[in-house]
Amino acid sequence: MSRAREAVNAGDHRWAATLLHHVAFAEPDNQAARELLAATYTRLGFESEAGIWRNIYLTGAQELGDGVVKLTTSVTSSDALFETPTTMLFDVAAVRLNPDKAAAQPLKLNVAVTDRDERHLVSVRNGVLIHEQGVSDPQAAASIRLKHGELVMTLLGGAPVAARIASGDIAADGDWHLYEALVAMIESPEANFAIVTP
């Protein structure tokens, strides 16, 4: 703290922010460190010419003073998801995959998106989701046939797979529970997270 104050007094705000950041993480209840770090971030924000850096510094200062901002709306438009190419949906699913759940249950299934005349092979092994467009595997444990909208609603939207199977909106050959298991491995992102505090 004393070195950080010396840096602030010397006008070396970046070094002060680095030191205070370490203090804030080591001692989350140190209110003096949090206030000085917020003031330092505010100063850096006002000194920044680039809008991105200014926003980053001022967001950090706001979080230190008011806590994590609570977002109430989704950052992804459902309309955008319904227009997203299938390969990109699987890319999003791969990023959201819980590796611990995925490591516990390797699987391979064919996915046919009927309204777009697409075939995809989806494999999960070693905690990673891999998808291949235009590929099917006769050895896959299940084959799922569904429309693009059903894929969006189940894979990323949280719609229950069993209900969509029962209604006939999703057709399956083999063990359709594997698709349900895949969906259970996909986690929704947390919109409200700390940026500069532990």
C-alpha atoms as a PDB file:
ATOM      1  CA  MET A   1       0.000   0.000   0.000  1.00  0.00           C
ATOM      2  CA  SER A   2       2.807   2.415   0.829  1.00  0.00           C
ATOM      3  CA  ARG A   3       4.515   1.760  -2.508  1.00  0.00           C
ATOM      4  CA  ALA A   4       1.193   2.207  -4.296  1.00  0.00           C
ATOM      5  CA  ARG A   5       0.665   5.560  -2.572  1.00  0.00           C
ATOM      6  CA  GLU A   6       4.189   6.591  -3.566  1.00  0.00           C
ATOM      7  CA  ALA A   7       3.421   5.640  -7.182  1.00  0.00           C
ATOM      8  CA  VAL A   8       0.178   7.648  -7.120  1.00  0.00           C
ATOM      9  CA  ASN A   9       1.977  10.682  -5.703  1.00  0.00           C
ATOM     10  CA  ALA A  10       4.671  10.326  -8.383  1.00  0.00           C
ATOM     11  CA  GLY A  11       2.008  10.173 -11.106  1.00  0.00           C
ATOM     12  CA  ASP A  12       2.839   6.566 -12.039  1.00  0.00           C
ATOM     13  CA  HIS A  13      -0.781   5.421 -12.069  1.00  0.00           C
ATOM     14  CA  ARG A  14      -0.267   2.229 -14.058  1.00  0.00           C
ATOM     15  CA  TRP A  15       2.285   0.933 -11.554  1.00  0.00           C
ATOM     16  CA  ALA A  16       0.023   1.990  -8.707  1.00  0.00           C
ATOM     17  CA  ALA A  17      -2.889   0.102 -10.312  1.00  0.00           C
ATOM     18  CA  THR A  18      -0.741  -3.021 -10.657  1.00  0.00           C
ATOM     19  CA  LEU A  19       0.300  -2.910  -7.008  1.00  0.00           C
ATOM     20  CA  LEU A  20      -3.214  -2.155  -5.772  1.00  0.00           C
ATOM     21  CA  HIS A  21      -4.685  -4.916  -7.918  1.00  0.00           C
ATOM     22  CA  HIS A  22      -2.475  -7.416  -6.081  1.00  0.00           C
ATOM     23  CA  VAL A  23      -3.525  -5.985  -2.721  1.00  0.00           C
ATOM     24  CA  ALA A  24      -7.222  -6.097  -3.670  1.00  0.00           C
ATOM     25  CA  PHE A  25      -6.958  -9.785  -4.585  1.00  0.00           C
ATOM     26  CA  ALA A  26      -4.825 -10.716  -1.560  1.00  0.00           C
ATOM     27  CA  GLU A  27      -7.064  -8.775   0.840  1.00  0.00           C
ATOM     28  CA  PRO A  28     -10.585  -8.501  -0.664  1.00  0.00           C
ATOM     29  CA  ASP A  29     -11.878  -6.727   2.474  1.00  0.00           C
ATOM     30  CA  ASN A  30      -9.189  -4.001   2.399  1.00  0.00           C
ATOM     31  CA  GLN A  31     -11.483  -1.035   1.743  1.00  0.00           C
ATOM     32  CA  ALA A  32      -8.636   1.469   1.588  1.00  0.00           C
ATOM     33  CA  ALA A  33      -6.963  -0.508  -1.216  1.00  0.00           C
ATOM     34  CA  ARG A  34     -10.249  -0.807  -3.113  1.00  0.00           C
ATOM     35  CA  GLU A  35     -10.937   2.931  -2.849  1.00  0.00           C
ATOM     36  CA  LEU A  36      -7.418   3.878  -3.921  1.00  0.00           C
ATOM     37  CA  LEU A  37      -7.563   1.403  -6.813  1.00  0.00           C
ATOM     38  CA  ALA A  38     -10.939   2.805  -7.905  1.00  0.00           C
ATOM     39  CA  ALA A  39      -9.541   6.341  -7.795  1.00  0.00           C
ATOM     40  CA  THR A  40      -6.475   5.194  -9.757  1.00  0.00           C
ATOM     41  CA  TYR A  41      -8.622   3.478 -12.403  1.00  0.00           C
ATOM     42  CA  THR A  42     -10.762   6.620 -12.651  1.00  0.00           C
ATOM     43  CA  ARG A  43      -7.650   8.749 -13.146  1.00  0.00           C
ATOM     44  CA  LEU A  44      -6.332   6.332 -15.803  1.00  0.00           C
ATOM     45  CA  GLY A  45      -9.725   6.392 -17.504  1.00  0.00           C
ATOM     46  CA  PHE A  46      -9.756  10.178 -17.710  1.00  0.00           C
ATOM     47  CA  GLU A  47      -6.180  10.176 -19.033  1.00  0.00           C
ATOM     48  CA  SER A  48      -6.909   7.587 -21.739  1.00  0.00           C
ATOM     49  CA  GLU A  49      -7.377   8.788 -25.286  1.00  0.00           C
ATOM     50  CA  ALA A  50      -8.660   5.431 -26.553  1.00  0.00           C
ATOM     51  CA  GLY A  51     -12.315   4.813 -25.793  1.00  0.00           C
ATOM     52  CA  ILE A  52     -11.776   1.110 -25.134  1.00  0.00           C
ATOM     53  CA  TRP A  53      -9.148   1.713 -22.466  1.00  0.00           C
ATOM     54  CA  ARG A  54     -11.239   4.476 -20.922  1.00  0.00           C
ATOM     55  CA  ASN A  55     -14.220   2.128 -20.718  1.00  0.00           C
ATOM     56  CA  ILE A  56     -12.153  -0.655 -19.181  1.00  0.00           C
ATOM     57  CA  TYR A  57     -10.686   1.570 -16.488  1.00  0.00           C
ATOM     58  CA  LEU A  58     -14.000   3.224 -15.642  1.00  0.00           C
ATOM     59  CA  THR A  59     -15.799  -0.136 -15.544  1.00  0.00           C
ATOM     60  CA  GLY A  60     -13.170  -1.367 -13.087  1.00  0.00           C
ATOM     61  CA  ALA A  61     -13.639   1.722 -10.929  1.00  0.00           C
ATOM     62  CA  GLN A  62     -17.419   1.268 -11.001  1.00  0.00           C
ATOM     63  CA  GLU A  63     -17.139  -2.384  -9.952  1.00  0.00           C
ATOM     64  CA  LEU A  64     -14.862  -1.508  -7.041  1.00  0.00           C
ATOM     65  CA  GLY A  65     -17.324   1.110  -5.821  1.00  0.00           C
ATOM     66  CA  ASP A  66     -20.706  -0.451  -6.590  1.00  0.00           C
ATOM     67  CA  GLY A  67     -20.012  -4.165  -7.036  1.00  0.00           C
ATOM     68  CA  VAL A  68     -20.581  -6.342 -10.086  1.00  0.00           C
ATOM     69  CA  VAL A  69     -23.143  -4.903 -12.486  1.00  0.00           C
ATOM     70  CA  LYS A  70     -26.226  -7.147 -12.622  1.00  0.00           C
ATOM     71  CA  LEU A  71     -27.352  -7.649 -16.211  1.00  0.00           C
ATOM     72  CA  THR A  72     -30.959  -8.682 -16.662  1.00  0.00           C
ATOM     73  CA  THR A  73     -31.159  -9.335 -20.372  1.00  0.00           C
ATOM     74  CA  SER A  74     -29.581 -11.958 -22.568  1.00  0.00           C
ATOM     75  CA  VAL A  75     -26.589 -10.807 -24.577  1.00  0.00           C
ATOM     76  CA  THR A  76     -27.613 -13.099 -27.463  1.00  0.00           C
ATOM     77  CA  SER A  77     -30.649 -12.389 -29.608  1.00  0.00           C
ATOM     78  CA  SER A  78     -32.833 -15.431 -30.204  1.00  0.00           C
ATOM     79  CA  ASP A  79     -33.453 -14.169 -33.748  1.00  0.00           C
ATOM     80  CA  ALA A  80     -29.715 -14.168 -34.362  1.00  0.00           C
ATOM     81  CA  LEU A  81     -29.418 -17.753 -33.095  1.00  0.00           C
ATOM     82  CA  PHE A  82     -32.163 -18.962 -35.428  1.00  0.00           C
ATOM     83  CA  GLU A  83     -30.269 -17.420 -38.368  1.00  0.00           C
ATOM     84  CA  THR A  84     -26.867 -18.729 -37.266  1.00  0.00           C
ATOM     85  CA  PRO A  85     -25.327 -21.446 -39.453  1.00  0.00           C
ATOM     86  CA  THR A  86     -25.414 -24.895 -37.880  1.00  0.00           C
ATOM     87  CA  THR A  87     -21.635 -25.202 -37.739  1.00  0.00           C
ATOM     88  CA  MET A  88     -21.475 -21.999 -35.709  1.00  0.00           C
ATOM     89  CA  LEU A  89     -24.107 -23.343 -33.295  1.00  0.00           C
ATOM     90  CA  PHE A  90     -21.900 -26.361 -32.693  1.00  0.00           C
ATOM     91  CA  ASP A  91     -18.919 -24.013 -32.234  1.00  0.00           C
ATOM     92  CA  VAL A  92     -20.873 -22.153 -29.534  1.00  0.00           C
ATOM     93  CA  ALA A  93     -21.811 -25.474 -27.924  1.00  0.00           C
ATOM     94  CA  ALA A  94     -18.157 -26.547 -27.975  1.00  0.00           C
ATOM     95  CA  VAL A  95     -17.133 -23.384 -26.132  1.00  0.00           C
ATOM     96  CA  ARG A  96     -19.900 -23.835 -23.547  1.00  0.00           C
ATOM     97  CA  LEU A  97     -19.144 -27.531 -22.984  1.00  0.00           C
ATOM     98  CA  ASN A  98     -18.458 -28.466 -19.364  1.00  0.00           C
ATOM     99  CA  PRO A  99     -15.221 -30.469 -19.689  1.00  0.00           C
ATOM    100  CA  ASP A 100     -15.765 -32.455 -16.489  1.00  0.00           C
ATOM    101  CA  LYS A 101     -19.181 -33.670 -17.626  1.00  0.00           C
ATOM    102  CA  ALA A 102     -17.861 -34.300 -21.126  1.00  0.00           C
ATOM    103  CA  ALA A 103     -14.919 -36.330 -19.855  1.00  0.00           C
ATOM    104  CA  ALA A 104     -17.287 -38.552 -17.902  1.00  0.00           C
ATOM    105  CA  GLN A 105     -19.387 -39.539 -20.933  1.00  0.00           C
ATOM    106  CA  PRO A 106     -17.790 -39.780 -24.367  1.00  0.00           C
ATOM    107  CA  LEU A 107     -20.323 -40.053 -27.185  1.00  0.00           C
ATOM    108  CA  LYS A 108     -20.754 -39.980 -30.934  1.00  0.00           C
ATOM    109  CA  LEU A 109     -23.968 -39.153 -32.754  1.00  0.00           C
ATOM    110  CA  ASN A 110     -25.190 -38.236 -36.197  1.00  0.00           C
ATOM    111  CA  VAL A 111     -27.281 -35.080 -36.415  1.00  0.00           C
ATOM    112  CA  ALA A 112     -29.384 -34.422 -39.523  1.00  0.00           C
ATOM    113  CA  VAL A 113     -30.806 -30.915 -39.816  1.00  0.00           C
ATOM    114  CA  THR A 114     -33.737 -31.723 -42.074  1.00  0.00           C
ATOM    115  CA  ASP A 115     -34.891 -28.253 -43.153  1.00  0.00           C
ATOM    116  CA  ARG A 116     -31.350 -27.329 -44.236  1.00  0.00           C
ATOM    117  CA  ASP A 117     -30.436 -30.714 -45.710  1.00  0.00           C
ATOM    118  CA  GLU A 118     -27.328 -30.938 -43.513  1.00  0.00           C
ATOM    119  CA  ARG A 119     -25.533 -33.843 -41.892  1.00  0.00           C
ATOM    120  CA  HIS A 120     -23.178 -33.443 -38.943  1.00  0.00           C
ATOM    121  CA  LEU A 121     -21.175 -35.917 -36.906  1.00  0.00           C
ATOM    122  CA  VAL A 122     -20.852 -34.768 -33.299  1.00  0.00           C
ATOM    123  CA  SER A 123     -18.285 -36.453 -31.086  1.00  0.00           C
ATOM    124  CA  VAL A 124     -17.391 -35.795 -27.483  1.00  0.00           C
ATOM    125  CA  ARG A 125     -14.206 -37.322 -26.154  1.00  0.00           C
ATOM    126  CA  ASN A 126     -11.427 -36.233 -23.815  1.00  0.00           C
ATOM    127  CA  GLY A 127     -13.684 -33.416 -22.596  1.00  0.00           C
ATOM    128  CA  VAL A 128     -13.913 -31.797 -26.052  1.00  0.00           C
ATOM    129  CA  LEU A 129     -16.778 -31.475 -28.559  1.00  0.00           C
ATOM    130  CA  ILE A 130     -15.827 -32.006 -32.199  1.00  0.00           C
ATOM    131  CA  HIS A 131     -18.284 -31.587 -35.063  1.00  0.00           C
ATOM    132  CA  GLU A 132     -17.853 -32.388 -38.734  1.00  0.00           C
ATOM    133  CA  GLN A 133     -20.216 -31.133 -41.428  1.00  0.00           C
ATOM    134  CA  GLY A 134     -21.258 -33.460 -44.248  1.00  0.00           C
ATOM    135  CA  VAL A 135     -20.145 -36.532 -42.322  1.00  0.00           C
ATOM    136  CA  SER A 136     -22.085 -39.462 -40.851  1.00  0.00           C
ATOM    137  CA  ASP A 137     -20.783 -42.473 -38.991  1.00  0.00           C
ATOM    138  CA  PRO A 138     -22.731 -45.747 -39.240  1.00  0.00           C
ATOM    139  CA  GLN A 139     -21.069 -46.785 -35.957  1.00  0.00           C
ATOM    140  CA  ALA A 140     -22.516 -43.817 -34.050  1.00  0.00           C
ATOM    141  CA  ALA A 141     -24.700 -44.831 -31.115  1.00  0.00           C
ATOM    142  CA  ALA A 142     -27.566 -42.570 -32.213  1.00  0.00           C
ATOM    143  CA  SER A 143     -28.860 -40.593 -35.172  1.00  0.00           C
ATOM    144  CA  ILE A 144     -30.986 -37.520 -34.523  1.00  0.00           C
ATOM    145  CA  ARG A 145     -33.183 -35.799 -37.131  1.00  0.00           C
ATOM    146  CA  LEU A 146     -34.541 -32.355 -36.378  1.00  0.00           C
ATOM    147  CA  LYS A 147     -35.118 -28.906 -37.823  1.00  0.00           C
ATOM    148  CA  HIS A 148     -32.643 -26.087 -37.261  1.00  0.00           C
ATOM    149  CA  GLY A 149     -35.004 -24.341 -34.820  1.00  0.00           C
ATOM    150  CA  GLU A 150     -35.266 -27.500 -32.719  1.00  0.00           C
ATOM    151  CA  LEU A 151     -31.479 -27.690 -32.591  1.00  0.00           C
ATOM    152  CA  VAL A 152     -31.298 -24.098 -31.345  1.00  0.00           C
ATOM    153  CA  MET A 153     -34.035 -24.624 -28.749  1.00  0.00           C
ATOM    154  CA  THR A 154     -32.602 -27.849 -27.336  1.00  0.00           C
ATOM    155  CA  LEU A 155     -28.851 -27.412 -27.706  1.00  0.00           C
ATOM    156  CA  LEU A 156     -28.615 -23.787 -26.540  1.00  0.00           C
ATOM    157  CA  GLY A 157     -32.116 -22.763 -25.446  1.00  0.00           C
ATOM    158  CA  GLY A 158     -32.773 -25.251 -22.650  1.00  0.00           C
ATOM    159  CA  ALA A 159     -35.850 -26.908 -24.212  1.00  0.00           C
ATOM    160  CA  PRO A 160     -36.222 -30.451 -22.801  1.00  0.00           C
ATOM    161  CA  VAL A 161     -35.157 -33.102 -25.299  1.00  0.00           C
ATOM    162  CA  ALA A 162     -37.530 -35.777 -23.979  1.00  0.00           C
ATOM    163  CA  ALA A 163     -40.555 -33.550 -24.603  1.00  0.00           C
ATOM    164  CA  ARG A 164     -39.403 -32.768 -28.156  1.00  0.00           C
ATOM    165  CA  ILE A 165     -38.872 -36.483 -28.840  1.00  0.00           C
ATOM    166  CA  ALA A 166     -42.327 -37.312 -27.430  1.00  0.00           C
ATOM    167  CA  SER A 167     -43.974 -34.627 -29.597  1.00  0.00           C
ATOM    168  CA  GLY A 168     -42.262 -35.967 -32.715  1.00  0.00           C
ATOM    169  CA  ASP A 169     -40.382 -32.732 -33.370  1.00  0.00           C
ATOM    170  CA  ILE A 170     -37.138 -34.671 -32.981  1.00  0.00           C
ATOM    171  CA  ALA A 171     -36.805 -38.154 -34.487  1.00  0.00           C
ATOM    172  CA  ALA A 172     -34.106 -40.559 -33.381  1.00  0.00           C
ATOM    173  CA  ASP A 173     -32.617 -43.920 -34.263  1.00  0.00           C
ATOM    174  CA  GLY A 174     -30.623 -45.559 -31.524  1.00  0.00           C
ATOM    175  CA  ASP A 175     -30.192 -44.187 -28.019  1.00  0.00           C
ATOM    176  CA  TRP A 176     -31.686 -40.673 -28.170  1.00  0.00           C
ATOM    177  CA  HIS A 177     -30.648 -40.200 -24.525  1.00  0.00           C
ATOM    178  CA  LEU A 178     -27.157 -39.486 -25.861  1.00  0.00           C
ATOM    179  CA  TYR A 179     -28.445 -36.263 -27.420  1.00  0.00           C
ATOM    180  CA  GLU A 180     -30.036 -35.435 -24.087  1.00  0.00           C
ATOM    181  CA  ALA A 181     -26.682 -36.144 -22.417  1.00  0.00           C
ATOM    182  CA  LEU A 182     -24.951 -33.836 -24.907  1.00  0.00           C
ATOM    183  CA  VAL A 183     -27.419 -31.051 -24.157  1.00  0.00           C
ATOM    184  CA  ALA A 184     -26.805 -31.532 -20.415  1.00  0.00           C
ATOM    185  CA  MET A 185     -23.088 -30.918 -20.977  1.00  0.00           C
ATOM    186  CA  ILE A 186     -23.719 -27.453 -22.465  1.00  0.00           C
ATOM    187  CA  GLU A 187     -23.744 -24.653 -19.896  1.00  0.00           C
ATOM    188  CA  SER A 188     -25.206 -21.174 -20.231  1.00  0.00           C
ATOM    189  CA  PRO A 189     -22.696 -18.343 -19.845  1.00  0.00           C
ATOM    190  CA  GLU A 190     -22.758 -16.243 -16.690  1.00  0.00           C
ATOM    191  CA  ALA A 191     -23.470 -12.646 -17.667  1.00  0.00           C
ATOM    192  CA  ASN A 192     -22.765 -11.203 -14.211  1.00  0.00           C
ATOM    193  CA  PHE A 193     -19.104 -11.736 -13.437  1.00  0.00           C
ATOM    194  CA  ALA A 194     -16.359  -9.809 -11.705  1.00  0.00           C
ATOM    195  CA  ILE A 195     -13.803  -8.042 -13.884  1.00  0.00           C
ATOM    196  CA  VAL A 196     -11.324  -6.507 -11.416  1.00  0.00           C
ATOM    197  CA  THR A 197     -12.319  -8.090  -8.105  1.00  0.00           C
ATOM    198  CA  PRO A 198     -11.916 -11.703  -6.899  1.00  0.00           C
END
